[in-house]
Amino acid sequence: MGEATDKLKAAGNKAAGAVKEGIGKATDNERLEAEGKAQKAKGTVQDVSGSVKGALGDKI
């Protein structure tokens, strides 16, 4: 995967995670809230990975 792909997936995971987390909070569903937080964290990791790939010219 390239930089753009990682960053696009990161944005999707961050957005979906935020929605899940918000619904979990609103409905007092701790499991859904935790899933949302985990998905947002996954998005953050993908974003960093994309940045690293961009800095290294997609050589990894």
Protein backbone atom coordinates (compact mmCIF):
# COMPACT_ATOMS: atom_id res chain seq x y z
CA MET A 1 0.00 0.00 0.00
CA GLY A 2 1.16 3.47 -0.74
CA GLU A 3 1.00 6.65 1.23
CA ALA A 4 -2.30 7.81 -0.26
CA THR A 5 -3.97 4.44 0.32
CA ASP A 6 -2.88 4.35 3.96
CA LYS A 7 -4.06 7.90 4.56
CA LEU A 8 -7.42 7.22 2.90
CA LYS A 9 -7.98 4.10 4.99
CA ALA A 10 -6.88 6.02 8.07
CA ALA A 11 -9.47 8.71 7.46
CA GLY A 12 -12.18 6.09 7.04
CA ASN A 13 -11.21 4.26 10.21
CA LYS A 14 -11.01 7.48 12.22
CA ALA A 15 -14.45 8.59 11.00
CA ALA A 16 -16.10 5.21 11.56
CA GLY A 17 -14.45 4.93 14.96
CA ALA A 18 -15.70 8.35 16.00
CA VAL A 19 -19.25 7.42 14.99
CA LYS A 20 -19.09 4.12 16.88
CA GLU A 21 -17.63 5.83 19.93
CA GLY A 22 -20.33 8.51 19.86
CA ILE A 23 -23.15 6.01 19.51
CA GLY A 24 -21.63 3.92 22.28
CA LYS A 25 -21.51 6.93 24.60
CA ALA A 26 -25.04 8.01 23.68
CA THR A 27 -26.51 4.55 24.25
CA ASP A 28 -24.30 3.73 27.25
CA ASN A 29 -22.85 0.78 25.30
CA GLU A 30 -19.32 0.38 26.63
CA ARG A 31 -18.40 -2.33 24.11
CA LEU A 32 -19.34 -0.18 21.11
CA GLU A 33 -17.55 2.80 22.62
CA ALA A 34 -14.40 0.71 23.10
CA GLU A 35 -14.63 -0.61 19.52
CA GLY A 36 -14.83 2.97 18.30
CA LYS A 37 -11.77 4.00 20.27
CA ALA A 38 -9.85 1.00 18.94
CA GLN A 39 -10.84 1.78 15.36
CA LYS A 40 -9.76 5.40 15.76
CA ALA A 41 -6.40 4.19 17.10
CA LYS A 42 -6.05 1.89 14.09
CA GLY A 43 -6.68 4.90 11.86
CA THR A 44 -3.97 6.85 13.65
CA VAL A 45 -1.48 4.02 13.10
CA GLN A 46 -2.40 3.88 9.40
CA ASP A 47 -1.95 7.64 9.14
CA VAL A 48 1.53 7.44 10.65
CA SER A 49 2.37 4.51 8.38
CA GLY A 50 1.31 6.55 5.36
CA SER A 51 3.45 9.47 6.48
CA VAL A 52 6.48 7.21 6.91
CA LYS A 53 5.92 5.68 3.48
CA GLY A 54 5.68 9.15 1.98
CA ALA A 55 8.88 10.23 3.64
CA LEU A 56 10.69 7.11 2.42
CA GLY A 57 9.23 7.24 -1.07
CA ASP A 58 7.07 4.10 -0.71
CA LYS A 59 10.21 1.92 -0.49
CA ILE A 60 8.92 -0.06 2.46
